[in-house]
Amino acid sequence: MPPMSQSILDGGNAPPVLREDLRGDSGIVAVLTLNRPEQRNTLSEATLAALGEALGAIARDDRVKAVVLAANGSAFCAGHDLKELTGRRGDGDGGRAYYTRIMGTCSALMQQVVRLPQPVVAAVQGMATAAGCQLVASCDLAVASSAAKFCTPGVDIGLFCSTPMVALSRNVARKHAMEMLLTGEPVTAEHAARIGLVNRAVAPGTERDEALRLARTVASKPAMTVRLGKAAFYRQLELGLADAYLLASQVMVENMLREDAAEGIGAFLDKRAPRWPDR
């Protein structure tokens, strides 16, 4: 497990992602911070690799109960690094193989966030654009500074935000998603909260504290129950009504047979605080 604070993929320059482990009575909350503010925290190859590596390490660490995803600088994330993408137009295939690999890597990262056993809370302090907006939408919870804005402006540069569309359309209603995708216009944090892209908008400078508060609340719950619930939530969304209920019933049975439920229900009936097995 990394020490209390560790750089991910630090090649001697400013590391693209920082990790800090905050220990508490309920376990560890891992804070991952995008750390390329001068590039507006674009999802360059290095950042994609670093973030993927960090999430992979967290997934294997049962001591981490929740994750906060934050960013340094004025922007949360400006999406793909367009200079990197444009630089490969000179390839023999016009960049097709490279673009295929990068889009595949980014899509895998977004799914990695969703499939991470631990819940992920985004702390958005500034603009989240294109794949940056996609990253926020991929997190389980999100807190935004009232100064933050969100947009999917690919249409303005002839590159429709097709991959950000996947996460966006799974968070907000169709017409809200289509308005963002077709106009490219930024929406405020307050509007993002109204349409369900983020949980709430807070005063500038308090978004990370509020995200940590949410993460610590989640961390205080029984870990196995949270992991079962998060996985089931995303699986049932892709199913029809009958199949969703079948899956949810199976998960409830599995959950009922686990030690978490035995302890939690017993504590409720005994009118005492539960003693969770993972503590």
C-alpha atoms as a PDB file:
ATOM      1  CA  MET A   1       0.000   0.000   0.000  1.00  0.00           C
ATOM      2  CA  PRO A   2       1.325   3.508  -0.769  1.00  0.00           C
ATOM      3  CA  PRO A   3       2.497   5.700   2.094  1.00  0.00           C
ATOM      4  CA  MET A   4       0.398   8.576   3.368  1.00  0.00           C
ATOM      5  CA  SER A   5       1.238  10.653   0.295  1.00  0.00           C
ATOM      6  CA  GLN A   6       2.711   9.320  -2.923  1.00  0.00           C
ATOM      7  CA  SER A   7       3.208  10.500  -6.470  1.00  0.00           C
ATOM      8  CA  ILE A   8       1.966   8.164  -9.191  1.00  0.00           C
ATOM      9  CA  LEU A   9       4.261   7.671 -12.189  1.00  0.00           C
ATOM     10  CA  ASP A  10       6.628  10.458 -11.244  1.00  0.00           C
ATOM     11  CA  GLY A  11       9.193  10.539 -14.008  1.00  0.00           C
ATOM     12  CA  GLY A  12      11.168  13.362 -12.414  1.00  0.00           C
ATOM     13  CA  ASN A  13       8.765  16.073 -13.519  1.00  0.00           C
ATOM     14  CA  ALA A  14       5.531  17.101 -11.846  1.00  0.00           C
ATOM     15  CA  PRO A  15       3.599  13.844 -11.382  1.00  0.00           C
ATOM     16  CA  PRO A  16       0.298  13.767 -13.250  1.00  0.00           C
ATOM     17  CA  VAL A  17      -1.588  12.235 -10.294  1.00  0.00           C
ATOM     18  CA  LEU A  18      -1.018  12.530  -6.553  1.00  0.00           C
ATOM     19  CA  ARG A  19      -2.340  10.090  -3.977  1.00  0.00           C
ATOM     20  CA  GLU A  20      -2.886  10.867  -0.302  1.00  0.00           C
ATOM     21  CA  ASP A  21      -4.308   8.381   2.181  1.00  0.00           C
ATOM     22  CA  LEU A  22      -6.341   9.988   4.948  1.00  0.00           C
ATOM     23  CA  ARG A  23      -6.727   7.622   7.877  1.00  0.00           C
ATOM     24  CA  GLY A  24      -9.719   7.738  10.184  1.00  0.00           C
ATOM     25  CA  ASP A  25     -11.619   5.597  12.631  1.00  0.00           C
ATOM     26  CA  SER A  26     -13.591   4.020   9.786  1.00  0.00           C
ATOM     27  CA  GLY A  27     -10.625   3.285   7.546  1.00  0.00           C
ATOM     28  CA  ILE A  28      -8.780   5.081   4.773  1.00  0.00           C
ATOM     29  CA  VAL A  29     -10.152   7.622   2.318  1.00  0.00           C
ATOM     30  CA  ALA A  30      -7.777   7.849  -0.645  1.00  0.00           C
ATOM     31  CA  VAL A  31      -7.549  11.266  -2.299  1.00  0.00           C
ATOM     32  CA  LEU A  32      -6.403  11.230  -5.934  1.00  0.00           C
ATOM     33  CA  THR A  33      -5.505  14.653  -7.300  1.00  0.00           C
ATOM     34  CA  LEU A  34      -4.995  15.473 -10.975  1.00  0.00           C
ATOM     35  CA  ASN A  35      -1.751  17.427 -10.921  1.00  0.00           C
ATOM     36  CA  ARG A  36      -1.069  18.983 -14.298  1.00  0.00           C
ATOM     37  CA  PRO A  37      -2.658  22.420 -13.747  1.00  0.00           C
ATOM     38  CA  GLU A  38      -0.520  24.068 -16.417  1.00  0.00           C
ATOM     39  CA  GLN A  39      -2.123  21.688 -18.963  1.00  0.00           C
ATOM     40  CA  ARG A  40      -5.544  22.157 -17.349  1.00  0.00           C
ATOM     41  CA  ASN A  41      -5.299  18.542 -16.177  1.00  0.00           C
ATOM     42  CA  THR A  42      -5.936  17.139 -19.640  1.00  0.00           C
ATOM     43  CA  LEU A  43      -6.225  13.377 -19.927  1.00  0.00           C
ATOM     44  CA  SER A  44      -2.876  12.914 -21.616  1.00  0.00           C
ATOM     45  CA  GLU A  45      -1.379   9.465 -22.078  1.00  0.00           C
ATOM     46  CA  ALA A  46       0.623   9.953 -18.877  1.00  0.00           C
ATOM     47  CA  THR A  47      -2.407  11.065 -16.871  1.00  0.00           C
ATOM     48  CA  LEU A  48      -4.572   8.206 -18.150  1.00  0.00           C
ATOM     49  CA  ALA A  49      -1.867   5.719 -17.223  1.00  0.00           C
ATOM     50  CA  ALA A  50      -1.255   7.257 -13.807  1.00  0.00           C
ATOM     51  CA  LEU A  51      -4.924   7.421 -12.903  1.00  0.00           C
ATOM     52  CA  GLY A  52      -5.495   3.866 -14.080  1.00  0.00           C
ATOM     53  CA  GLU A  53      -2.554   2.637 -12.029  1.00  0.00           C
ATOM     54  CA  ALA A  54      -3.760   4.469  -8.934  1.00  0.00           C
ATOM     55  CA  LEU A  55      -7.284   3.072  -9.238  1.00  0.00           C
ATOM     56  CA  GLY A  56      -5.919  -0.422  -9.771  1.00  0.00           C
ATOM     57  CA  ALA A  57      -3.888  -0.211  -6.571  1.00  0.00           C
ATOM     58  CA  ILE A  58      -6.896   1.078  -4.627  1.00  0.00           C
ATOM     59  CA  ALA A  59      -9.142  -1.708  -5.939  1.00  0.00           C
ATOM     60  CA  ARG A  60      -6.746  -4.269  -4.422  1.00  0.00           C
ATOM     61  CA  ASP A  61      -6.558  -2.513  -1.047  1.00  0.00           C
ATOM     62  CA  ASP A  62      -9.382  -3.487   1.307  1.00  0.00           C
ATOM     63  CA  ARG A  63      -8.276  -0.840   3.791  1.00  0.00           C
ATOM     64  CA  VAL A  64      -9.426   1.931   1.458  1.00  0.00           C
ATOM     65  CA  LYS A  65     -13.139   2.526   2.028  1.00  0.00           C
ATOM     66  CA  ALA A  66     -13.782   5.459  -0.333  1.00  0.00           C
ATOM     67  CA  VAL A  67     -12.012   7.685  -2.861  1.00  0.00           C
ATOM     68  CA  VAL A  68     -12.082  11.422  -3.514  1.00  0.00           C
ATOM     69  CA  LEU A  69     -11.047  12.543  -7.013  1.00  0.00           C
ATOM     70  CA  ALA A  70      -9.877  16.167  -7.045  1.00  0.00           C
ATOM     71  CA  ALA A  71      -7.650  18.419  -9.147  1.00  0.00           C
ATOM     72  CA  ASN A  72      -5.069  21.149  -8.684  1.00  0.00           C
ATOM     73  CA  GLY A  73      -5.301  24.466 -10.516  1.00  0.00           C
ATOM     74  CA  SER A  74      -8.120  26.476 -12.021  1.00  0.00           C
ATOM     75  CA  ALA A  75      -9.569  23.644 -14.149  1.00  0.00           C
ATOM     76  CA  PHE A  76     -10.744  20.248 -12.992  1.00  0.00           C
ATOM     77  CA  CYS A  77     -10.059  18.559 -16.328  1.00  0.00           C
ATOM     78  CA  ALA A  78     -10.107  19.896 -19.889  1.00  0.00           C
ATOM     79  CA  GLY A  79     -10.621  16.507 -21.531  1.00  0.00           C
ATOM     80  CA  HIS A  80      -8.252  14.877 -23.984  1.00  0.00           C
ATOM     81  CA  ASP A  81      -4.889  16.442 -24.791  1.00  0.00           C
ATOM     82  CA  LEU A  82      -5.658  17.809 -28.263  1.00  0.00           C
ATOM     83  CA  LYS A  83      -1.992  18.526 -28.965  1.00  0.00           C
ATOM     84  CA  GLU A  84      -1.169  14.855 -28.426  1.00  0.00           C
ATOM     85  CA  LEU A  85      -4.051  13.805 -30.658  1.00  0.00           C
ATOM     86  CA  THR A  86      -3.242  16.269 -33.440  1.00  0.00           C
ATOM     87  CA  GLY A  87       0.434  15.322 -33.362  1.00  0.00           C
ATOM     88  CA  ARG A  88      -0.404  11.845 -34.659  1.00  0.00           C
ATOM     89  CA  ARG A  89      -2.127  12.956 -37.849  1.00  0.00           C
ATOM     90  CA  GLY A  90       1.207  12.468 -39.570  1.00  0.00           C
ATOM     91  CA  ASP A  91       1.196   8.723 -38.862  1.00  0.00           C
ATOM     92  CA  GLY A  92       1.008   6.432 -41.864  1.00  0.00           C
ATOM     93  CA  ASP A  93      -2.638   5.642 -41.117  1.00  0.00           C
ATOM     94  CA  GLY A  94      -3.517   9.247 -40.335  1.00  0.00           C
ATOM     95  CA  GLY A  95      -3.535   8.439 -36.631  1.00  0.00           C
ATOM     96  CA  ARG A  96      -6.277   5.783 -36.714  1.00  0.00           C
ATOM     97  CA  ALA A  97      -4.407   3.182 -34.651  1.00  0.00           C
ATOM     98  CA  TYR A  98      -3.304   5.763 -32.087  1.00  0.00           C
ATOM     99  CA  TYR A  99      -6.766   7.307 -31.760  1.00  0.00           C
ATOM    100  CA  THR A 100      -8.296   3.847 -31.391  1.00  0.00           C
ATOM    101  CA  ARG A 101      -5.873   3.025 -28.585  1.00  0.00           C
ATOM    102  CA  ILE A 102      -6.358   6.331 -26.747  1.00  0.00           C
ATOM    103  CA  MET A 103     -10.158   6.230 -26.919  1.00  0.00           C
ATOM    104  CA  GLY A 104     -10.077   2.616 -25.771  1.00  0.00           C
ATOM    105  CA  THR A 105      -7.779   3.498 -22.877  1.00  0.00           C
ATOM    106  CA  CYS A 106      -9.971   6.404 -21.803  1.00  0.00           C
ATOM    107  CA  SER A 107     -13.153   4.334 -22.054  1.00  0.00           C
ATOM    108  CA  ALA A 108     -11.527   1.586 -19.980  1.00  0.00           C
ATOM    109  CA  LEU A 109     -10.558   4.160 -17.335  1.00  0.00           C
ATOM    110  CA  MET A 110     -14.135   5.444 -17.044  1.00  0.00           C
ATOM    111  CA  GLN A 111     -15.369   1.882 -16.615  1.00  0.00           C
ATOM    112  CA  GLN A 112     -12.634   1.316 -14.045  1.00  0.00           C
ATOM    113  CA  VAL A 113     -14.094   4.154 -11.960  1.00  0.00           C
ATOM    114  CA  VAL A 114     -17.574   2.639 -12.182  1.00  0.00           C
ATOM    115  CA  ARG A 115     -16.331  -0.873 -11.368  1.00  0.00           C
ATOM    116  CA  LEU A 116     -14.036   0.180  -8.548  1.00  0.00           C
ATOM    117  CA  PRO A 117     -15.224  -1.612  -5.388  1.00  0.00           C
ATOM    118  CA  GLN A 118     -14.976   1.613  -3.395  1.00  0.00           C
ATOM    119  CA  PRO A 119     -17.299   4.561  -4.100  1.00  0.00           C
ATOM    120  CA  VAL A 120     -15.650   7.566  -5.787  1.00  0.00           C
ATOM    121  CA  VAL A 121     -16.593  11.172  -4.981  1.00  0.00           C
ATOM    122  CA  ALA A 122     -15.515  13.913  -7.412  1.00  0.00           C
ATOM    123  CA  ALA A 123     -14.523  17.282  -5.933  1.00  0.00           C
ATOM    124  CA  VAL A 124     -14.840  19.717  -8.845  1.00  0.00           C
ATOM    125  CA  GLN A 125     -13.269  23.118  -8.300  1.00  0.00           C
ATOM    126  CA  GLY A 126     -13.245  24.435 -11.885  1.00  0.00           C
ATOM    127  CA  MET A 127     -14.193  23.725 -15.479  1.00  0.00           C
ATOM    128  CA  ALA A 128     -14.832  20.085 -16.436  1.00  0.00           C
ATOM    129  CA  THR A 129     -14.804  19.842 -20.212  1.00  0.00           C
ATOM    130  CA  ALA A 130     -15.518  16.963 -22.627  1.00  0.00           C
ATOM    131  CA  ALA A 131     -13.766  13.873 -21.202  1.00  0.00           C
ATOM    132  CA  GLY A 132     -13.343  15.870 -17.986  1.00  0.00           C
ATOM    133  CA  CYS A 133     -17.129  16.131 -17.760  1.00  0.00           C
ATOM    134  CA  GLN A 134     -17.237  12.427 -18.601  1.00  0.00           C
ATOM    135  CA  LEU A 135     -14.928  11.729 -15.659  1.00  0.00           C
ATOM    136  CA  VAL A 136     -17.228  13.594 -13.266  1.00  0.00           C
ATOM    137  CA  ALA A 137     -20.260  11.742 -14.628  1.00  0.00           C
ATOM    138  CA  SER A 138     -18.454   8.418 -14.163  1.00  0.00           C
ATOM    139  CA  CYS A 139     -17.914   9.020 -10.444  1.00  0.00           C
ATOM    140  CA  ASP A 140     -20.520   7.698  -8.019  1.00  0.00           C
ATOM    141  CA  LEU A 141     -20.998  11.072  -6.309  1.00  0.00           C
ATOM    142  CA  ALA A 142     -19.859  14.594  -7.160  1.00  0.00           C
ATOM    143  CA  VAL A 143     -19.568  17.899  -5.307  1.00  0.00           C
ATOM    144  CA  ALA A 144     -18.909  21.050  -7.303  1.00  0.00           C
ATOM    145  CA  SER A 145     -17.788  24.535  -6.409  1.00  0.00           C
ATOM    146  CA  SER A 146     -20.383  27.089  -7.458  1.00  0.00           C
ATOM    147  CA  ALA A 147     -17.581  28.512  -9.626  1.00  0.00           C
ATOM    148  CA  ALA A 148     -17.282  25.251 -11.583  1.00  0.00           C
ATOM    149  CA  LYS A 149     -18.801  24.742 -15.017  1.00  0.00           C
ATOM    150  CA  PHE A 150     -19.444  21.699 -17.167  1.00  0.00           C
ATOM    151  CA  CYS A 151     -19.581  21.307 -20.918  1.00  0.00           C
ATOM    152  CA  THR A 152     -19.228  18.875 -23.799  1.00  0.00           C
ATOM    153  CA  PRO A 153     -18.034  21.286 -26.507  1.00  0.00           C
ATOM    154  CA  GLY A 154     -16.696  18.857 -29.077  1.00  0.00           C
ATOM    155  CA  VAL A 155     -19.315  19.989 -31.580  1.00  0.00           C
ATOM    156  CA  ASP A 156     -17.566  23.382 -31.657  1.00  0.00           C
ATOM    157  CA  ILE A 157     -14.338  21.864 -33.006  1.00  0.00           C
ATOM    158  CA  GLY A 158     -15.858  19.242 -35.305  1.00  0.00           C
ATOM    159  CA  LEU A 159     -15.339  16.369 -32.848  1.00  0.00           C
ATOM    160  CA  PHE A 160     -18.658  15.325 -31.290  1.00  0.00           C
ATOM    161  CA  CYS A 161     -18.300  14.261 -27.648  1.00  0.00           C
ATOM    162  CA  SER A 162     -19.369  10.698 -28.375  1.00  0.00           C
ATOM    163  CA  THR A 163     -17.528   8.958 -25.526  1.00  0.00           C
ATOM    164  CA  PRO A 164     -18.437  11.632 -22.924  1.00  0.00           C
ATOM    165  CA  MET A 165     -22.009  11.134 -24.156  1.00  0.00           C
ATOM    166  CA  VAL A 166     -22.051   7.614 -22.683  1.00  0.00           C
ATOM    167  CA  ALA A 167     -21.482   8.717 -19.094  1.00  0.00           C
ATOM    168  CA  LEU A 168     -23.460  11.941 -19.466  1.00  0.00           C
ATOM    169  CA  SER A 169     -26.563  10.208 -20.831  1.00  0.00           C
ATOM    170  CA  ARG A 170     -26.481   7.749 -17.936  1.00  0.00           C
ATOM    171  CA  ASN A 171     -26.618  10.574 -15.404  1.00  0.00           C
ATOM    172  CA  VAL A 172     -29.042  13.156 -16.779  1.00  0.00           C
ATOM    173  CA  ALA A 173     -32.266  13.041 -18.759  1.00  0.00           C
ATOM    174  CA  ARG A 174     -31.998  12.768 -22.535  1.00  0.00           C
ATOM    175  CA  LYS A 175     -32.950  16.316 -23.432  1.00  0.00           C
ATOM    176  CA  HIS A 176     -30.522  17.807 -20.900  1.00  0.00           C
ATOM    177  CA  ALA A 177     -27.753  15.573 -22.258  1.00  0.00           C
ATOM    178  CA  MET A 178     -28.586  16.391 -25.869  1.00  0.00           C
ATOM    179  CA  GLU A 179     -28.639  20.121 -25.158  1.00  0.00           C
ATOM    180  CA  MET A 180     -25.126  19.951 -23.716  1.00  0.00           C
ATOM    181  CA  LEU A 181     -23.895  17.747 -26.571  1.00  0.00           C
ATOM    182  CA  LEU A 182     -25.514  19.674 -29.437  1.00  0.00           C
ATOM    183  CA  THR A 183     -24.820  23.221 -28.253  1.00  0.00           C
ATOM    184  CA  GLY A 184     -21.469  22.757 -26.502  1.00  0.00           C
ATOM    185  CA  GLU A 185     -22.493  25.508 -24.108  1.00  0.00           C
ATOM    186  CA  PRO A 186     -21.235  25.363 -20.498  1.00  0.00           C
ATOM    187  CA  VAL A 187     -23.685  24.850 -17.651  1.00  0.00           C
ATOM    188  CA  THR A 188     -23.262  26.163 -14.131  1.00  0.00           C
ATOM    189  CA  ALA A 189     -22.690  23.996 -11.076  1.00  0.00           C
ATOM    190  CA  GLU A 190     -26.169  24.872  -9.831  1.00  0.00           C
ATOM    191  CA  HIS A 191     -27.699  23.717 -13.121  1.00  0.00           C
ATOM    192  CA  ALA A 192     -25.530  20.580 -13.049  1.00  0.00           C
ATOM    193  CA  ALA A 193     -26.963  19.812  -9.612  1.00  0.00           C
ATOM    194  CA  ARG A 194     -30.530  20.376 -10.824  1.00  0.00           C
ATOM    195  CA  ILE A 195     -30.146  17.927 -13.707  1.00  0.00           C
ATOM    196  CA  GLY A 196     -28.303  15.299 -11.672  1.00  0.00           C
ATOM    197  CA  LEU A 197     -24.783  15.619 -13.048  1.00  0.00           C
ATOM    198  CA  VAL A 198     -23.496  16.489  -9.559  1.00  0.00           C
ATOM    199  CA  ASN A 199     -25.010  16.000  -6.118  1.00  0.00           C
ATOM    200  CA  ARG A 200     -24.644  19.573  -4.938  1.00  0.00           C
ATOM    201  CA  ALA A 201     -22.960  22.911  -5.540  1.00  0.00           C
ATOM    202  CA  VAL A 202     -21.122  24.491  -2.619  1.00  0.00           C
ATOM    203  CA  ALA A 203     -19.203  27.684  -1.893  1.00  0.00           C
ATOM    204  CA  PRO A 204     -15.886  27.944  -3.763  1.00  0.00           C
ATOM    205  CA  GLY A 205     -13.047  26.465  -1.748  1.00  0.00           C
ATOM    206  CA  THR A 206     -15.283  24.101   0.224  1.00  0.00           C
ATOM    207  CA  GLU A 207     -15.866  21.461  -2.451  1.00  0.00           C
ATOM    208  CA  ARG A 208     -13.006  19.215  -1.347  1.00  0.00           C
ATOM    209  CA  ASP A 209     -14.057  19.351   2.309  1.00  0.00           C
ATOM    210  CA  GLU A 210     -17.630  18.464   1.369  1.00  0.00           C
ATOM    211  CA  ALA A 211     -16.435  15.620  -0.857  1.00  0.00           C
ATOM    212  CA  LEU A 212     -14.316  14.336   2.020  1.00  0.00           C
ATOM    213  CA  ARG A 213     -17.300  14.560   4.350  1.00  0.00           C
ATOM    214  CA  LEU A 214     -19.338  12.446   1.944  1.00  0.00           C
ATOM    215  CA  ALA A 215     -16.480   9.983   1.497  1.00  0.00           C
ATOM    216  CA  ARG A 216     -16.024   9.617   5.249  1.00  0.00           C
ATOM    217  CA  THR A 217     -19.750   9.046   5.688  1.00  0.00           C
ATOM    218  CA  VAL A 218     -19.568   6.254   3.117  1.00  0.00           C
ATOM    219  CA  ALA A 219     -16.423   4.890   4.775  1.00  0.00           C
ATOM    220  CA  SER A 220     -18.283   4.590   8.074  1.00  0.00           C
ATOM    221  CA  LYS A 221     -20.698   2.056   6.544  1.00  0.00           C
ATOM    222  CA  PRO A 222     -19.962  -1.691   6.368  1.00  0.00           C
ATOM    223  CA  ALA A 223     -17.514  -2.116   3.496  1.00  0.00           C
ATOM    224  CA  MET A 224     -18.814  -5.380   2.067  1.00  0.00           C
ATOM    225  CA  THR A 225     -22.372  -4.050   2.008  1.00  0.00           C
ATOM    226  CA  VAL A 226     -21.242  -0.920   0.155  1.00  0.00           C
ATOM    227  CA  ARG A 227     -19.275  -2.967  -2.367  1.00  0.00           C
ATOM    228  CA  LEU A 228     -22.183  -5.320  -3.042  1.00  0.00           C
ATOM    229  CA  GLY A 229     -24.548  -2.379  -3.373  1.00  0.00           C
ATOM    230  CA  LYS A 230     -22.385  -0.336  -5.727  1.00  0.00           C
ATOM    231  CA  ALA A 231     -21.828  -3.269  -8.076  1.00  0.00           C
ATOM    232  CA  ALA A 232     -25.522  -4.182  -8.075  1.00  0.00           C
ATOM    233  CA  PHE A 233     -26.583  -0.578  -8.709  1.00  0.00           C
ATOM    234  CA  TYR A 234     -24.713  -0.359 -12.008  1.00  0.00           C
ATOM    235  CA  ARG A 235     -25.566  -3.888 -13.114  1.00  0.00           C
ATOM    236  CA  GLN A 236     -29.325  -3.439 -12.642  1.00  0.00           C
ATOM    237  CA  LEU A 237     -29.346  -0.171 -14.580  1.00  0.00           C
ATOM    238  CA  GLU A 238     -28.542  -2.085 -17.761  1.00  0.00           C
ATOM    239  CA  LEU A 239     -31.379  -4.605 -17.292  1.00  0.00           C
ATOM    240  CA  GLY A 240     -35.091  -4.644 -17.956  1.00  0.00           C
ATOM    241  CA  LEU A 241     -37.440  -4.319 -14.989  1.00  0.00           C
ATOM    242  CA  ALA A 242     -37.997  -8.038 -14.338  1.00  0.00           C
ATOM    243  CA  ASP A 243     -34.309  -8.910 -14.707  1.00  0.00           C
ATOM    244  CA  ALA A 244     -33.330  -5.973 -12.512  1.00  0.00           C
ATOM    245  CA  TYR A 245     -35.583  -7.232  -9.723  1.00  0.00           C
ATOM    246  CA  LEU A 246     -34.251 -10.772 -10.154  1.00  0.00           C
ATOM    247  CA  LEU A 247     -30.674  -9.531  -9.823  1.00  0.00           C
ATOM    248  CA  ALA A 248     -31.529  -7.281  -6.863  1.00  0.00           C
ATOM    249  CA  SER A 249     -33.286 -10.148  -5.089  1.00  0.00           C
ATOM    250  CA  GLN A 250     -30.251 -12.377  -5.566  1.00  0.00           C
ATOM    251  CA  VAL A 251     -27.996  -9.642  -4.175  1.00  0.00           C
ATOM    252  CA  MET A 252     -30.306  -9.183  -1.179  1.00  0.00           C
ATOM    253  CA  VAL A 253     -30.108 -12.909  -0.408  1.00  0.00           C
ATOM    254  CA  GLU A 254     -26.324 -12.863  -0.729  1.00  0.00           C
ATOM    255  CA  ASN A 255     -26.151  -9.770   1.468  1.00  0.00           C
ATOM    256  CA  MET A 256     -28.496 -11.292   4.084  1.00  0.00           C
ATOM    257  CA  LEU A 257     -26.179 -14.286   4.441  1.00  0.00           C
ATOM    258  CA  ARG A 258     -23.113 -12.093   5.030  1.00  0.00           C
ATOM    259  CA  GLU A 259     -21.750 -11.172   8.440  1.00  0.00           C
ATOM    260  CA  ASP A 260     -22.508  -7.479   7.867  1.00  0.00           C
ATOM    261  CA  ALA A 261     -26.254  -8.074   7.798  1.00  0.00           C
ATOM    262  CA  ALA A 262     -26.185 -10.461  10.752  1.00  0.00           C
ATOM    263  CA  GLU A 263     -24.337  -7.886  12.856  1.00  0.00           C
ATOM    264  CA  GLY A 264     -26.294  -4.865  11.636  1.00  0.00           C
ATOM    265  CA  ILE A 265     -29.731  -6.411  12.114  1.00  0.00           C
ATOM    266  CA  GLY A 266     -28.687  -7.897  15.445  1.00  0.00           C
ATOM    267  CA  ALA A 267     -27.452  -4.511  16.647  1.00  0.00           C
ATOM    268  CA  PHE A 268     -30.702  -2.854  15.542  1.00  0.00           C
ATOM    269  CA  LEU A 269     -32.811  -5.419  17.407  1.00  0.00           C
ATOM    270  CA  ASP A 270     -30.557  -5.185  20.482  1.00  0.00           C
ATOM    271  CA  LYS A 271     -30.676  -1.362  20.351  1.00  0.00           C
ATOM    272  CA  ARG A 272     -26.883  -0.997  20.253  1.00  0.00           C
ATOM    273  CA  ALA A 273     -24.277   0.354  17.855  1.00  0.00           C
ATOM    274  CA  PRO A 274     -23.112  -2.202  15.283  1.00  0.00           C
ATOM    275  CA  ARG A 275     -19.568  -3.568  15.371  1.00  0.00           C
ATOM    276  CA  TRP A 276     -18.741  -3.988  11.700  1.00  0.00           C
ATOM    277  CA  PRO A 277     -16.487  -6.951  10.815  1.00  0.00           C
ATOM    278  CA  ASP A 278     -14.084  -4.821   8.739  1.00  0.00           C
ATOM    279  CA  ARG A 279     -13.201  -2.451  11.592  1.00  0.00           C
END
